[in-house]
Structures are given as C-alpha cells and as structure tokens.
Amino acid sequence: MRTTLSLLVLGTLAAPARAQPGQTPVMPPEPAPYQQPPPDAQAMQAEPLPPGATRATFVSTGETRWDVRIDNNAVCTTPCAVVVGPLRYVTLHSQDRASTHLAVGYLAAGDVLVQAQPRAEGAFAAGVTFTALTGMGLATGITLTAVGCSTDRSTMCNAGLITGAASAVGLYLSIDLLRTALPRVHIGPAQASPYAAGNTLGLAGRF
C-alpha cells in the first residue's frame, strides 16, 4: 500500500513538469532576414552635376575600409559618395597597418561606382607557395635536360623535359593566381540610389 501511494505522489509531482497541451515549445530566435530600405524611406533627388563633374560612390568589397583622397586630400571613408570635379586625381588608401594604395585616376563624367577589392590573403599565400615550388621544379627540369641531353642519357633527358614542362605550366598558373589575389579597383556605372528614412541615410541598389 505504501508503495502504491509513493508512486501516486511521484506521478502527481512530475505531471506539471511535462509540456501542457496547447503550449508552444521555446525555439531559438531565427536570424533576421535581409533588411530592405524602410517603407517610409524617401528617395533623395540627385542634384544636377556641374559640367564635367562626377558623382562617385565608393564601396569596399571586403571588410577593409578605404580612405578616399582627391588630389592627395582625404575627403571620406568607404562607403561614401562625393562629387568629384573634372581633372581631379582620385586615390584609395586602406586603413590597414600596412596601408595599400590604389590609383583610381581621373573619373569620367556622370554617376560612377568605384569598388575597392582588398588582397585575397588565402589566394596570395597559396600563390607564393606554389610559385616557389614550381620555380624550383623548373630549375631542376632545366638542369636534368641540359645534363641528360648533352651526355646522351635519354632517360634523364626525358625526365628533365617532362619536369620542366610541368613546372613551367605550374609557374605560369601560380603567377596568375598571385596577380588575381592582389588588391585592385573596379570602376563602373552606378546602380544604386541614396535614400533617407528619418535620421538614417543609405544606398539602395545592386553592388
């Protein structure tokens, strides 16, 4: 009898701990979706440009921020938009410890989007490694070819030719990888328009 009563008491105490019918289990919050411009955002009317001037929008394709300089005078930091007069030389300077300089040059008149691409660290490191390895392979292939072919050792001569050819192709691809990993600037027509919502300013469009 005591055993039966004990089981009943334990069952009564454990019942509230279970999920009650109709209750929704607590779920972790979902990440916020991509935020579009607010509904009350008003498109800013672009002011007419002076003759020969450029309305340039400067953005970075990575996490690196860039200082925009016109005739070596800092005017803003990415992302930003400024009006550049004709025959004004534009450069970009990264805010890294080892600053990188990109020459934008003279911009064409009209609306322009300038995108600064920082150095791809992973691709750059791989390019340096493969350039060193394939360079040594090319030197080895040249040596084997010179010695083997001059002494009528066909095996060594053929091995040198194969090693040299494969290393030459690898060296070309490694140098090309290094070039693509370097920082660069992309200039094209602007496809974004500024908007204002309360005290917030932003750019809406495709970059």
Protein backbone atom coordinates (compact mmCIF):
# COMPACT_ATOMS: atom_id res chain seq x y z
CA MET A 1 0.00 0.00 0.00
CA ARG A 2 2.81 2.37 0.87
CA THR A 3 4.48 1.59 -2.43
CA THR A 4 1.31 2.42 -4.35
CA LEU A 5 0.89 5.75 -2.54
CA SER A 6 4.52 6.68 -3.20
CA LEU A 7 4.11 6.07 -6.93
CA LEU A 8 0.94 8.18 -7.00
CA VAL A 9 2.67 11.08 -5.23
CA LEU A 10 5.66 10.95 -7.58
CA GLY A 11 3.38 10.87 -10.61
CA THR A 12 1.44 13.89 -9.32
CA LEU A 13 4.62 15.91 -8.72
CA ALA A 14 6.11 15.06 -12.11
CA ALA A 15 2.98 15.94 -14.08
CA PRO A 16 3.44 19.75 -14.04
CA ALA A 17 6.96 19.38 -15.44
CA ARG A 18 5.60 17.99 -18.70
CA ALA A 19 4.59 20.22 -21.57
CA GLN A 20 0.92 21.09 -21.25
CA PRO A 21 -1.33 20.69 -24.28
CA GLY A 22 -1.53 23.88 -26.30
CA GLN A 23 1.83 25.20 -25.11
CA THR A 24 4.44 26.11 -27.77
CA PRO A 25 8.00 24.95 -27.06
CA VAL A 26 10.57 27.72 -26.81
CA MET A 27 12.55 27.87 -30.05
CA PRO A 28 15.81 29.79 -30.62
CA PRO A 29 15.28 33.09 -32.42
CA GLU A 30 15.73 32.93 -36.18
CA PRO A 31 18.30 35.22 -37.80
CA ALA A 32 16.85 38.45 -39.09
CA PRO A 33 16.19 38.44 -42.84
CA TYR A 34 17.85 40.84 -45.24
CA GLN A 35 16.66 44.32 -44.41
CA GLN A 36 15.26 46.30 -47.30
CA PRO A 37 15.03 50.09 -47.11
CA PRO A 38 12.29 51.13 -44.64
CA PRO A 39 8.80 51.64 -46.08
CA ASP A 40 8.91 55.31 -45.14
CA ALA A 41 12.24 55.79 -46.90
CA GLN A 42 12.20 58.62 -49.35
CA ALA A 43 14.45 58.59 -52.38
CA MET A 44 16.81 61.53 -52.39
CA GLN A 45 16.68 63.61 -55.51
CA ALA A 46 20.09 63.75 -57.14
CA GLU A 47 21.25 67.29 -57.66
CA PRO A 48 22.37 68.19 -61.17
CA LEU A 49 26.10 67.87 -61.64
CA PRO A 50 28.32 70.70 -62.82
CA PRO A 51 29.64 70.25 -66.36
CA GLY A 52 32.30 67.55 -66.47
CA ALA A 53 31.84 66.55 -62.80
CA THR A 54 31.41 63.00 -61.46
CA ARG A 55 29.08 61.71 -58.74
CA ALA A 56 31.19 58.83 -57.41
CA THR A 57 30.06 56.19 -54.91
CA PHE A 58 32.96 54.42 -53.17
CA VAL A 59 32.47 51.00 -51.54
CA SER A 60 34.69 48.14 -50.38
CA THR A 61 34.11 44.54 -51.46
CA GLY A 62 35.56 43.24 -48.17
CA GLU A 63 35.88 44.22 -44.52
CA THR A 64 38.74 46.62 -45.21
CA ARG A 65 37.82 50.31 -45.11
CA TRP A 66 39.44 52.74 -47.51
CA ASP A 67 40.14 56.46 -47.28
CA VAL A 68 39.19 58.36 -50.42
CA ARG A 69 41.66 61.06 -51.39
CA ILE A 70 41.24 63.65 -54.11
CA ASP A 71 44.49 65.31 -55.14
CA ASN A 72 46.02 63.71 -52.02
CA ASN A 73 43.41 65.33 -49.74
CA ALA A 74 41.26 62.93 -47.66
CA VAL A 75 37.56 63.56 -48.25
CA CYS A 76 35.70 60.49 -46.87
CA THR A 77 35.91 56.82 -45.85
CA THR A 78 34.10 53.96 -47.58
CA PRO A 79 31.22 53.60 -48.00
CA CYS A 80 30.58 57.16 -49.15
CA ALA A 81 29.55 59.26 -52.13
CA VAL A 82 31.16 62.50 -53.23
CA VAL A 83 31.07 64.82 -56.21
CA VAL A 84 34.44 64.89 -57.95
CA GLY A 85 35.31 67.83 -60.14
CA PRO A 86 36.86 67.40 -63.57
CA LEU A 87 40.58 66.66 -63.79
CA ARG A 88 40.80 65.69 -60.10
CA TYR A 89 43.04 62.69 -59.36
CA VAL A 90 41.47 60.09 -57.05
CA THR A 91 43.32 57.51 -54.93
CA LEU A 92 42.25 54.99 -52.27
CA HIS A 93 44.28 54.21 -49.13
CA SER A 94 43.42 51.23 -46.93
CA GLN A 95 43.24 51.61 -43.15
CA ASP A 96 45.39 48.50 -42.53
CA ARG A 97 48.65 48.69 -40.61
CA ALA A 98 50.49 48.21 -43.90
CA SER A 99 48.44 50.64 -45.95
CA THR A 100 47.67 49.73 -49.56
CA HIS A 101 47.34 52.45 -52.19
CA LEU A 102 45.09 52.08 -55.22
CA ALA A 103 45.17 54.61 -58.03
CA VAL A 104 41.67 55.32 -59.32
CA GLY A 105 42.81 58.12 -61.60
CA TYR A 106 40.61 60.61 -63.39
CA LEU A 107 36.92 59.67 -63.43
CA ALA A 108 34.58 60.08 -66.35
CA ALA A 109 31.68 62.49 -66.01
CA GLY A 110 28.37 61.14 -64.70
CA ASP A 111 27.40 58.63 -61.99
CA VAL A 112 30.17 56.14 -61.22
CA LEU A 113 30.54 53.24 -58.75
CA VAL A 114 34.10 52.61 -57.52
CA GLN A 115 34.66 49.26 -55.76
CA ALA A 116 37.90 48.66 -53.85
CA GLN A 117 38.89 44.99 -53.63
CA PRO A 118 41.38 44.16 -50.83
CA ARG A 119 44.05 41.50 -51.19
CA ALA A 120 42.79 37.91 -51.01
CA GLU A 121 45.07 36.60 -48.27
CA GLY A 122 44.40 32.88 -48.86
CA ALA A 123 44.95 33.03 -52.60
CA PHE A 124 48.04 35.22 -52.13
CA ALA A 125 49.63 32.76 -49.69
CA ALA A 126 48.88 29.82 -52.00
CA GLY A 127 50.32 31.72 -54.96
CA VAL A 128 53.56 32.45 -53.12
CA THR A 129 53.95 28.81 -52.06
CA PHE A 130 53.25 27.32 -55.48
CA THR A 131 55.44 29.91 -57.21
CA ALA A 132 58.40 28.85 -55.06
CA LEU A 133 57.78 25.12 -55.60
CA THR A 134 57.21 25.30 -59.34
CA GLY A 135 60.19 27.63 -59.72
CA MET A 136 62.45 25.03 -58.11
CA GLY A 137 60.88 22.34 -60.29
CA LEU A 138 61.58 24.37 -63.42
CA ALA A 139 65.22 24.85 -62.40
CA THR A 140 65.53 21.10 -61.75
CA GLY A 141 63.99 20.27 -65.11
CA ILE A 142 66.36 22.58 -66.95
CA THR A 143 69.35 21.02 -65.19
CA LEU A 144 68.27 17.45 -65.92
CA THR A 145 67.57 18.30 -69.56
CA ALA A 146 70.92 20.01 -70.06
CA VAL A 147 72.93 17.20 -68.46
CA GLY A 148 70.95 14.28 -69.86
CA CYS A 149 70.69 15.51 -73.43
CA SER A 150 74.35 16.54 -73.61
CA THR A 151 75.57 13.14 -72.34
CA ASP A 152 73.16 11.03 -74.43
CA ARG A 153 71.26 9.85 -71.36
CA SER A 154 67.77 9.61 -72.80
CA THR A 155 66.10 8.75 -69.51
CA MET A 156 67.49 11.81 -67.74
CA CYS A 157 66.83 13.98 -70.78
CA ASN A 158 63.18 12.91 -71.00
CA ALA A 159 62.71 13.29 -67.24
CA GLY A 160 64.10 16.81 -67.45
CA LEU A 161 61.80 17.73 -70.33
CA ILE A 162 58.71 16.41 -68.52
CA THR A 163 59.66 18.06 -65.22
CA GLY A 164 60.49 21.35 -66.87
CA ALA A 165 57.29 21.48 -68.94
CA ALA A 166 55.04 20.62 -65.99
CA SER A 167 56.82 23.11 -63.72
CA ALA A 168 56.61 25.85 -66.35
CA VAL A 169 52.84 25.43 -66.61
CA GLY A 170 52.53 25.39 -62.82
CA LEU A 171 54.69 28.51 -62.52
CA TYR A 172 52.50 30.37 -65.01
CA LEU A 173 49.33 29.42 -63.13
CA SER A 174 50.90 30.34 -59.78
CA ILE A 175 51.90 33.79 -61.02
CA ASP A 176 48.41 34.30 -62.44
CA LEU A 177 46.96 33.34 -59.03
CA LEU A 178 49.21 35.93 -57.39
CA ARG A 179 48.03 38.60 -59.81
CA THR A 180 44.35 37.89 -59.19
CA ALA A 181 44.88 37.97 -55.41
CA LEU A 182 46.38 41.47 -55.41
CA PRO A 183 44.20 44.44 -54.41
CA ARG A 184 42.54 46.24 -57.28
CA VAL A 185 39.83 48.75 -58.08
CA HIS A 186 36.74 48.23 -60.23
CA ILE A 187 35.07 51.23 -61.86
CA GLY A 188 31.65 51.03 -63.47
CA PRO A 189 28.31 52.81 -63.80
CA ALA A 190 26.47 53.38 -60.53
CA GLN A 191 23.43 51.13 -59.97
CA ALA A 192 22.46 52.44 -56.54
CA SER A 193 20.43 55.42 -55.39
CA PRO A 194 20.59 57.16 -52.00
CA TYR A 195 17.57 57.17 -49.68
CA ALA A 196 16.66 58.88 -46.41
CA ALA A 197 14.49 57.47 -43.59
CA GLY A 198 14.33 59.71 -40.54
CA ASN A 199 17.91 60.28 -39.42
CA THR A 200 19.24 57.36 -41.49
CA LEU A 201 20.96 57.69 -44.84
CA GLY A 202 21.79 54.73 -47.05
CA LEU A 203 22.22 53.34 -50.55
CA ALA A 204 19.69 51.05 -52.17
CA GLY A 205 20.64 49.10 -55.26
CA ARG A 206 22.96 46.40 -56.57
CA PHE A 207 26.70 46.44 -55.95
